[in-house]
PDB file of N, CA and C in Angstrom:
ATOM      1  N   MET A   1     -59.719 173.273  71.541  1.00  0.00           N
ATOM      2  CA  MET A   1     -59.271 172.177  72.408  1.00  0.00           C
ATOM      3  C   MET A   1     -58.721 172.770  73.704  1.00  0.00           C
ATOM      4  N   ASN A   2     -59.485 172.631  74.729  1.00  0.00           N
ATOM      5  CA  ASN A   2     -59.130 173.141  76.015  1.00  0.00           C
ATOM      6  C   ASN A   2     -58.621 171.956  76.804  1.00  0.00           C
ATOM      7  N   LYS A   3     -57.310 171.891  76.939  1.00  0.00           N
ATOM      8  CA  LYS A   3     -56.735 170.800  77.758  1.00  0.00           C
ATOM      9  C   LYS A   3     -56.119 171.340  79.029  1.00  0.00           C
ATOM     10  N   ASN A   4     -56.288 170.621  80.095  1.00  0.00           N
ATOM     11  CA  ASN A   4     -55.744 170.997  81.372  1.00  0.00           C
ATOM     12  C   ASN A   4     -54.237 170.795  81.328  1.00  0.00           C
ATOM     13  N   PRO A   5     -53.455 171.829  81.758  1.00  0.00           N
ATOM     14  CA  PRO A   5     -52.010 171.666  81.741  1.00  0.00           C
ATOM     15  C   PRO A   5     -51.473 170.443  82.536  1.00  0.00           C
ATOM     16  N   LYS A   6     -52.227 170.176  83.644  1.00  0.00           N
ATOM     17  CA  LYS A   6     -51.788 169.020  84.430  1.00  0.00           C
ATOM     18  C   LYS A   6     -51.903 167.708  83.688  1.00  0.00           C
ATOM     19  N   ASN A   7     -52.948 167.578  82.880  1.00  0.00           N
ATOM     20  CA  ASN A   7     -53.073 166.387  82.058  1.00  0.00           C
ATOM     21  C   ASN A   7     -51.992 166.301  80.970  1.00  0.00           C
ATOM     22  N   ILE A   8     -51.603 167.453  80.405  1.00  0.00           N
ATOM     23  CA  ILE A   8     -50.554 167.484  79.421  1.00  0.00           C
ATOM     24  C   ILE A   8     -49.242 167.033  80.033  1.00  0.00           C
ATOM     25  N   GLU A   9     -48.976 167.595  81.237  1.00  0.00           N
ATOM     26  CA  GLU A   9     -47.737 167.261  81.988  1.00  0.00           C
ATOM     27  C   GLU A   9     -47.699 165.749  82.284  1.00  0.00           C
ATOM     28  N   GLU A  10     -48.799 165.236  82.773  1.00  0.00           N
ATOM     29  CA  GLU A  10     -48.833 163.818  83.107  1.00  0.00           C
ATOM     30  C   GLU A  10     -48.661 162.955  81.829  1.00  0.00           C
ATOM     31  N   GLY A  11     -49.282 163.450  80.787  1.00  0.00           N
ATOM     32  CA  GLY A  11     -49.128 162.675  79.472  1.00  0.00           C
ATOM     33  C   GLY A  11     -47.718 162.669  78.984  1.00  0.00           C
ATOM     34  N   LEU A  12     -47.041 163.852  79.173  1.00  0.00           N
ATOM     35  CA  LEU A  12     -45.622 163.876  78.745  1.00  0.00           C
ATOM     36  C   LEU A  12     -44.733 163.015  79.585  1.00  0.00           C
ATOM     37  N   VAL A  13     -44.973 163.027  80.873  1.00  0.00           N
ATOM     38  CA  VAL A  13     -44.200 162.214  81.777  1.00  0.00           C
ATOM     39  C   VAL A  13     -44.411 160.721  81.475  1.00  0.00           C
ATOM     40  N   ASP A  14     -45.657 160.353  81.239  1.00  0.00           N
ATOM     41  CA  ASP A  14     -45.998 158.944  80.866  1.00  0.00           C
ATOM     42  C   ASP A  14     -45.326 158.576  79.579  1.00  0.00           C
ATOM     43  N   ALA A  15     -45.362 159.445  78.587  1.00  0.00           N
ATOM     44  CA  ALA A  15     -44.737 159.131  77.264  1.00  0.00           C
ATOM     45  C   ALA A  15     -43.269 158.958  77.418  1.00  0.00           C
ATOM     46  N   ILE A  16     -42.598 159.817  78.206  1.00  0.00           N
ATOM     47  CA  ILE A  16     -41.181 159.723  78.413  1.00  0.00           C
ATOM     48  C   ILE A  16     -40.832 158.418  79.170  1.00  0.00           C
ATOM     49  N   ALA A  17     -41.622 158.148  80.206  1.00  0.00           N
ATOM     50  CA  ALA A  17     -41.346 156.925  80.986  1.00  0.00           C
ATOM     51  C   ALA A  17     -41.536 155.666  80.181  1.00  0.00           C
ATOM     52  N   LYS A  18     -42.467 155.640  79.271  1.00  0.00           N
ATOM     53  CA  LYS A  18     -42.747 154.460  78.494  1.00  0.00           C
ATOM     54  C   LYS A  18     -41.810 154.327  77.311  1.00  0.00           C
ATOM     55  N   SER A  19     -41.252 155.421  76.881  1.00  0.00           N
ATOM     56  CA  SER A  19     -40.375 155.365  75.662  1.00  0.00           C
ATOM     57  C   SER A  19     -39.066 154.754  76.046  1.00  0.00           C
ATOM     58  N   ASP A  20     -38.297 154.433  75.010  1.00  0.00           N
ATOM     59  CA  ASP A  20     -37.002 153.806  75.214  1.00  0.00           C
ATOM     60  C   ASP A  20     -35.936 154.919  75.142  1.00  0.00           C
ATOM     61  N   VAL A  21     -35.906 155.757  76.208  1.00  0.00           N
ATOM     62  CA  VAL A  21     -34.997 156.899  76.255  1.00  0.00           C
ATOM     63  C   VAL A  21     -33.558 156.444  76.229  1.00  0.00           C
ATOM     64  N   LYS A  22     -33.220 155.387  76.964  1.00  0.00           N
ATOM     65  CA  LYS A  22     -31.896 154.884  77.040  1.00  0.00           C
ATOM     66  C   LYS A  22     -31.336 154.484  75.635  1.00  0.00           C
ATOM     67  N   SER A  23     -32.232 153.840  74.924  1.00  0.00           N
ATOM     68  CA  SER A  23     -31.842 153.359  73.585  1.00  0.00           C
ATOM     69  C   SER A  23     -31.574 154.557  72.671  1.00  0.00           C
ATOM     70  N   ILE A  24     -32.408 155.558  72.798  1.00  0.00           N
ATOM     71  CA  ILE A  24     -32.180 156.755  72.000  1.00  0.00           C
ATOM     72  C   ILE A  24     -30.823 157.433  72.368  1.00  0.00           C
ATOM     73  N   GLY A  25     -30.576 157.528  73.648  1.00  0.00           N
ATOM     74  CA  GLY A  25     -29.310 158.124  74.093  1.00  0.00           C
ATOM     75  C   GLY A  25     -28.071 157.323  73.648  1.00  0.00           C
ATOM     76  N   ILE A  26     -28.237 156.004  73.671  1.00  0.00           N
ATOM     77  CA  ILE A  26     -27.114 155.110  73.186  1.00  0.00           C
ATOM     78  C   ILE A  26     -26.912 155.335  71.693  1.00  0.00           C
ATOM     79  N   ASP A  27     -27.966 155.449  70.924  1.00  0.00           N
ATOM     80  CA  ASP A  27     -27.846 155.646  69.506  1.00  0.00           C
ATOM     81  C   ASP A  27     -27.236 157.011  69.188  1.00  0.00           C
ATOM     82  N   ILE A  28     -27.604 158.005  69.918  1.00  0.00           N
ATOM     83  CA  ILE A  28     -27.043 159.400  69.675  1.00  0.00           C
ATOM     84  C   ILE A  28     -25.530 159.344  70.018  1.00  0.00           C
ATOM     85  N   ALA A  29     -25.159 158.725  71.168  1.00  0.00           N
ATOM     86  CA  ALA A  29     -23.749 158.651  71.518  1.00  0.00           C
ATOM     87  C   ALA A  29     -22.974 157.840  70.501  1.00  0.00           C
ATOM     88  N   GLU A  30     -23.577 156.784  69.948  1.00  0.00           N
ATOM     89  CA  GLU A  30     -22.919 155.965  68.962  1.00  0.00           C
ATOM     90  C   GLU A  30     -22.663 156.711  67.683  1.00  0.00           C
ATOM     91  N   LEU A  31     -23.695 157.516  67.257  1.00  0.00           N
ATOM     92  CA  LEU A  31     -23.559 158.346  66.056  1.00  0.00           C
ATOM     93  C   LEU A  31     -22.508 159.406  66.238  1.00  0.00           C
ATOM     94  N   SER A  32     -22.443 160.008  67.457  1.00  0.00           N
ATOM     95  CA  SER A  32     -21.443 161.053  67.740  1.00  0.00           C
ATOM     96  C   SER A  32     -20.055 160.425  67.671  1.00  0.00           C
ATOM     97  N   LEU A  33     -19.897 159.282  68.269  1.00  0.00           N
ATOM     98  CA  LEU A  33     -18.609 158.601  68.225  1.00  0.00           C
ATOM     99  C   LEU A  33     -18.137 158.221  66.828  1.00  0.00           C
ATOM    100  N   ASP A  34     -19.151 157.743  66.036  1.00  0.00           N
ATOM    101  CA  ASP A  34     -18.877 157.378  64.674  1.00  0.00           C
ATOM    102  C   ASP A  34     -18.465 158.603  63.881  1.00  0.00           C
ATOM    103  N   ALA A  35     -19.034 159.765  64.154  1.00  0.00           N
ATOM    104  CA  ALA A  35     -18.681 160.972  63.373  1.00  0.00           C
ATOM    105  C   ALA A  35     -17.241 161.377  63.661  1.00  0.00           C
ATOM    106  N   LEU A  36     -16.759 161.066  64.848  1.00  0.00           N
ATOM    107  CA  LEU A  36     -15.399 161.410  65.199  1.00  0.00           C
ATOM    108  C   LEU A  36     -14.321 160.452  64.672  1.00  0.00           C
ATOM    109  N   MET A  37     -14.768 159.214  64.323  1.00  0.00           N
ATOM    110  CA  MET A  37     -13.827 158.181  63.882  1.00  0.00           C
ATOM    111  C   MET A  37     -13.677 158.191  62.428  1.00  0.00           C
ATOM    112  N   LYS A  38     -12.535 157.740  61.945  1.00  0.00           N
ATOM    113  CA  LYS A  38     -12.283 157.565  60.554  1.00  0.00           C
ATOM    114  C   LYS A  38     -12.961 156.256  60.083  1.00  0.00           C
ATOM    115  N   ASP A  39     -13.146 156.158  58.748  1.00  0.00           N
ATOM    116  CA  ASP A  39     -13.772 154.941  58.246  1.00  0.00           C
ATOM    117  C   ASP A  39     -12.894 153.728  58.500  1.00  0.00           C
ATOM    118  N   GLY A  40     -13.528 152.609  58.742  1.00  0.00           N
ATOM    119  CA  GLY A  40     -12.806 151.394  59.022  1.00  0.00           C
ATOM    120  C   GLY A  40     -13.667 150.460  59.901  1.00  0.00           C
ATOM    121  N   LEU A  41     -13.038 149.392  60.305  1.00  0.00           N
ATOM    122  CA  LEU A  41     -13.702 148.355  61.080  1.00  0.00           C
ATOM    123  C   LEU A  41     -14.169 148.893  62.419  1.00  0.00           C
ATOM    124  N   ALA A  42     -13.371 149.722  63.123  1.00  0.00           N
ATOM    125  CA  ALA A  42     -13.715 150.234  64.448  1.00  0.00           C
ATOM    126  C   ALA A  42     -15.020 151.068  64.367  1.00  0.00           C
ATOM    127  N   LYS A  43     -15.240 151.746  63.239  1.00  0.00           N
ATOM    128  CA  LYS A  43     -16.412 152.584  63.129  1.00  0.00           C
ATOM    129  C   LYS A  43     -17.703 151.726  63.043  1.00  0.00           C
ATOM    130  N   ASP A  44     -17.580 150.510  62.564  1.00  0.00           N
ATOM    131  CA  ASP A  44     -18.704 149.632  62.381  1.00  0.00           C
ATOM    132  C   ASP A  44     -19.102 148.856  63.680  1.00  0.00           C
ATOM    133  N   ILE A  45     -18.216 148.852  64.665  1.00  0.00           N
ATOM    134  CA  ILE A  45     -18.505 148.162  65.913  1.00  0.00           C
ATOM    135  C   ILE A  45     -19.289 149.063  66.855  1.00  0.00           C
ATOM    136  N   PRO A  46     -20.442 148.572  67.328  1.00  0.00           N
ATOM    137  CA  PRO A  46     -21.254 149.385  68.279  1.00  0.00           C
ATOM    138  C   PRO A  46     -20.640 149.471  69.646  1.00  0.00           C
ATOM    139  N   ILE A  47     -19.661 150.300  69.799  1.00  0.00           N
ATOM    140  CA  ILE A  47     -18.931 150.424  71.052  1.00  0.00           C
ATOM    141  C   ILE A  47     -19.777 150.837  72.267  1.00  0.00           C
ATOM    142  N   VAL A  48     -20.535 151.891  72.095  1.00  0.00           N
ATOM    143  CA  VAL A  48     -21.309 152.388  73.211  1.00  0.00           C
ATOM    144  C   VAL A  48     -22.366 151.398  73.663  1.00  0.00           C
ATOM    145  N   SER A  49     -23.047 150.751  72.697  1.00  0.00           N
ATOM    146  CA  SER A  49     -24.055 149.788  73.162  1.00  0.00           C
ATOM    147  C   SER A  49     -23.396 148.552  73.847  1.00  0.00           C
ATOM    148  N   TRP A  50     -22.229 148.165  73.438  1.00  0.00           N
ATOM    149  CA  TRP A  50     -21.510 147.113  74.099  1.00  0.00           C
ATOM    150  C   TRP A  50     -21.115 147.489  75.510  1.00  0.00           C
ATOM    151  N   LEU A  51     -20.609 148.741  75.701  1.00  0.00           N
ATOM    152  CA  LEU A  51     -20.284 149.233  77.034  1.00  0.00           C
ATOM    153  C   LEU A  51     -21.487 149.263  77.904  1.00  0.00           C
ATOM    154  N   PHE A  52     -22.632 149.730  77.364  1.00  0.00           N
ATOM    155  CA  PHE A  52     -23.872 149.800  78.157  1.00  0.00           C
ATOM    156  C   PHE A  52     -24.346 148.398  78.529  1.00  0.00           C
ATOM    157  N   ALA A  53     -24.303 147.463  77.550  1.00  0.00           N
ATOM    158  CA  ALA A  53     -24.657 146.085  77.876  1.00  0.00           C
ATOM    159  C   ALA A  53     -23.758 145.463  78.932  1.00  0.00           C
ATOM    160  N   GLY A  54     -22.468 145.760  78.840  1.00  0.00           N
ATOM    161  CA  GLY A  54     -21.524 145.289  79.863  1.00  0.00           C
ATOM    162  C   GLY A  54     -21.852 145.821  81.234  1.00  0.00           C
ATOM    163  N   TYR A  55     -22.236 147.085  81.276  1.00  0.00           N
ATOM    164  CA  TYR A  55     -22.607 147.711  82.560  1.00  0.00           C
ATOM    165  C   TYR A  55     -23.832 147.040  83.122  1.00  0.00           C
ATOM    166  N   LYS A  56     -24.857 146.777  82.237  1.00  0.00           N
ATOM    167  CA  LYS A  56     -26.034 146.155  82.694  1.00  0.00           C
ATOM    168  C   LYS A  56     -25.775 144.751  83.255  1.00  0.00           C
ATOM    169  N   ILE A  57     -24.849 144.013  82.564  1.00  0.00           N
ATOM    170  CA  ILE A  57     -24.556 142.683  83.076  1.00  0.00           C
ATOM    171  C   ILE A  57     -23.882 142.791  84.467  1.00  0.00           C
ATOM    172  N   TYR A  58     -22.933 143.754  84.562  1.00  0.00           N
ATOM    173  CA  TYR A  58     -22.220 143.945  85.886  1.00  0.00           C
ATOM    174  C   TYR A  58     -23.255 144.304  86.939  1.00  0.00           C
ATOM    175  N   ASP A  59     -24.187 145.205  86.616  1.00  0.00           N
ATOM    176  CA  ASP A  59     -25.237 145.654  87.595  1.00  0.00           C
ATOM    177  C   ASP A  59     -26.125 144.479  87.973  1.00  0.00           C
ATOM    178  N   THR A  60     -26.440 143.595  87.061  1.00  0.00           N
ATOM    179  CA  THR A  60     -27.290 142.444  87.325  1.00  0.00           C
ATOM    180  C   THR A  60     -26.535 141.443  88.250  1.00  0.00           C
ATOM    181  N   ILE A  61     -25.282 141.213  87.957  1.00  0.00           N
ATOM    182  CA  ILE A  61     -24.492 140.330  88.817  1.00  0.00           C
ATOM    183  C   ILE A  61     -24.352 140.927  90.194  1.00  0.00           C
ATOM    184  N   SER A  62     -24.104 142.188  90.307  1.00  0.00           N
ATOM    185  CA  SER A  62     -23.987 142.835  91.636  1.00  0.00           C
ATOM    186  C   SER A  62     -25.317 142.714  92.428  1.00  0.00           C
ATOM    187  N   ASP A  63     -26.395 142.914  91.749  1.00  0.00           N
ATOM    188  CA  ASP A  63     -27.711 142.760  92.435  1.00  0.00           C
ATOM    189  C   ASP A  63     -27.931 141.337  92.900  1.00  0.00           C
ATOM    190  N   ARG A  64     -27.532 140.377  92.105  1.00  0.00           N
ATOM    191  CA  ARG A  64     -27.738 138.942  92.524  1.00  0.00           C
ATOM    192  C   ARG A  64     -26.781 138.623  93.723  1.00  0.00           C
ATOM    193  N   ILE A  65     -25.592 139.137  93.729  1.00  0.00           N
ATOM    194  CA  ILE A  65     -24.676 138.917  94.851  1.00  0.00           C
ATOM    195  C   ILE A  65     -25.239 139.527  96.083  1.00  0.00           C
ATOM    196  N   LEU A  66     -25.737 140.743  95.995  1.00  0.00           N
ATOM    197  CA  LEU A  66     -26.363 141.423  97.152  1.00  0.00           C
ATOM    198  C   LEU A  66     -27.554 140.666  97.657  1.00  0.00           C
ATOM    199  N   ALA A  67     -28.395 140.157  96.752  1.00  0.00           N
ATOM    200  CA  ALA A  67     -29.567 139.406  97.201  1.00  0.00           C
ATOM    201  C   ALA A  67     -29.176 138.123  97.897  1.00  0.00           C
ATOM    202  N   LYS A  68     -28.119 137.491  97.409  1.00  0.00           N
ATOM    203  CA  LYS A  68     -27.605 136.235  98.059  1.00  0.00           C
ATOM    204  C   LYS A  68     -27.145 136.538  99.459  1.00  0.00           C
ATOM    205  N   LYS A  69     -26.415 137.665  99.610  1.00  0.00           N
ATOM    206  CA  LYS A  69     -25.861 138.063 100.933  1.00  0.00           C
ATOM    207  C   LYS A  69     -27.022 138.361 101.898  1.00  0.00           C
ATOM    208  N   ILE A  70     -28.005 139.059 101.414  1.00  0.00           N
ATOM    209  CA  ILE A  70     -29.195 139.368 102.277  1.00  0.00           C
ATOM    210  C   ILE A  70     -29.906 138.109 102.660  1.00  0.00           C
ATOM    211  N   LEU A  71     -30.068 137.185 101.732  1.00  0.00           N
ATOM    212  CA  LEU A  71     -30.760 135.894 102.037  1.00  0.00           C
ATOM    213  C   LEU A  71     -29.948 135.108 103.094  1.00  0.00           C
ATOM    214  N   ASN A  72     -28.623 135.051 102.926  1.00  0.00           N
ATOM    215  CA  ASN A  72     -27.802 134.371 103.908  1.00  0.00           C
ATOM    216  C   ASN A  72     -27.929 135.026 105.275  1.00  0.00           C
ATOM    217  N   PHE A  73     -27.884 136.372 105.305  1.00  0.00           N
ATOM    218  CA  PHE A  73     -28.021 137.091 106.557  1.00  0.00           C
ATOM    219  C   PHE A  73     -29.382 136.766 107.239  1.00  0.00           C
ATOM    220  N   LEU A  74     -30.449 136.859 106.479  1.00  0.00           N
ATOM    221  CA  LEU A  74     -31.759 136.611 107.043  1.00  0.00           C
ATOM    222  C   LEU A  74     -31.949 135.167 107.530  1.00  0.00           C
ATOM    223  N   SER A  75     -31.397 134.230 106.774  1.00  0.00           N
ATOM    224  CA  SER A  75     -31.477 132.818 107.264  1.00  0.00           C
ATOM    225  C   SER A  75     -30.643 132.638 108.499  1.00  0.00           C
ATOM    226  N   GLY A  76     -29.555 133.382 108.652  1.00  0.00           N
ATOM    227  CA  GLY A  76     -28.756 133.299 109.900  1.00  0.00           C
ATOM    228  C   GLY A  76     -29.510 133.913 111.035  1.00  0.00           C
ATOM    229  N   VAL A  77     -30.237 134.985 110.836  1.00  0.00           N
ATOM    230  CA  VAL A  77     -30.985 135.635 111.843  1.00  0.00           C
ATOM    231  C   VAL A  77     -32.137 134.694 112.295  1.00  0.00           C
ATOM    232  N   GLU A  78     -32.693 134.013 111.359  1.00  0.00           N
ATOM    233  CA  GLU A  78     -33.807 133.066 111.693  1.00  0.00           C
ATOM    234  C   GLU A  78     -33.317 131.976 112.593  1.00  0.00           C
ATOM    235  N   GLU A  79     -32.075 131.516 112.418  1.00  0.00           N
ATOM    236  CA  GLU A  79     -31.529 130.428 113.239  1.00  0.00           C
ATOM    237  C   GLU A  79     -31.087 130.842 114.627  1.00  0.00           C
ATOM    238  N   ALA A  80     -30.810 132.160 114.772  1.00  0.00           N
ATOM    239  CA  ALA A  80     -30.365 132.685 116.015  1.00  0.00           C
ATOM    240  C   ALA A  80     -31.490 132.631 117.095  1.00  0.00           C
ATOM    241  N   SER A  81     -31.105 132.416 118.341  1.00  0.00           N
ATOM    242  CA  SER A  81     -32.114 132.414 119.404  1.00  0.00           C
ATOM    243  C   SER A  81     -32.601 133.829 119.645  1.00  0.00           C
ATOM    244  N   GLN A  82     -33.762 133.871 120.387  1.00  0.00           N
ATOM    245  CA  GLN A  82     -34.360 135.137 120.659  1.00  0.00           C
ATOM    246  C   GLN A  82     -33.423 136.067 121.482  1.00  0.00           C
ATOM    247  N   GLU A  83     -32.654 135.470 122.340  1.00  0.00           N
ATOM    248  CA  GLU A  83     -31.744 136.274 123.193  1.00  0.00           C
ATOM    249  C   GLU A  83     -30.587 136.866 122.379  1.00  0.00           C
ATOM    250  N   LYS A  84     -30.138 136.128 121.333  1.00  0.00           N
ATOM    251  CA  LYS A  84     -29.068 136.623 120.534  1.00  0.00           C
ATOM    252  C   LYS A  84     -29.498 137.726 119.546  1.00  0.00           C
ATOM    253  N   ARG A  85     -30.759 137.713 119.244  1.00  0.00           N
ATOM    254  CA  ARG A  85     -31.283 138.736 118.285  1.00  0.00           C
ATOM    255  C   ARG A  85     -31.314 140.011 119.018  1.00  0.00           C
TER     256      ARG A  85
END
């Protein structure tokens, strides 16, 4: 099997890009945290995934606020006369 190294590299990059690397990282972090904790209710709560989900929600809200500000700015520019622009 004679494969071109460039094709192997592209295949690896594609596989990594398509895989759920974030989910794997979250699971590893969760397992590491669980290993450090004693048995109990806190160990059963998926802390890392909740923190990541909270960050994603914050990031989404921030993106929407920014999009709204840009839209308001652009509509204001549209209403301005050519001399003011």
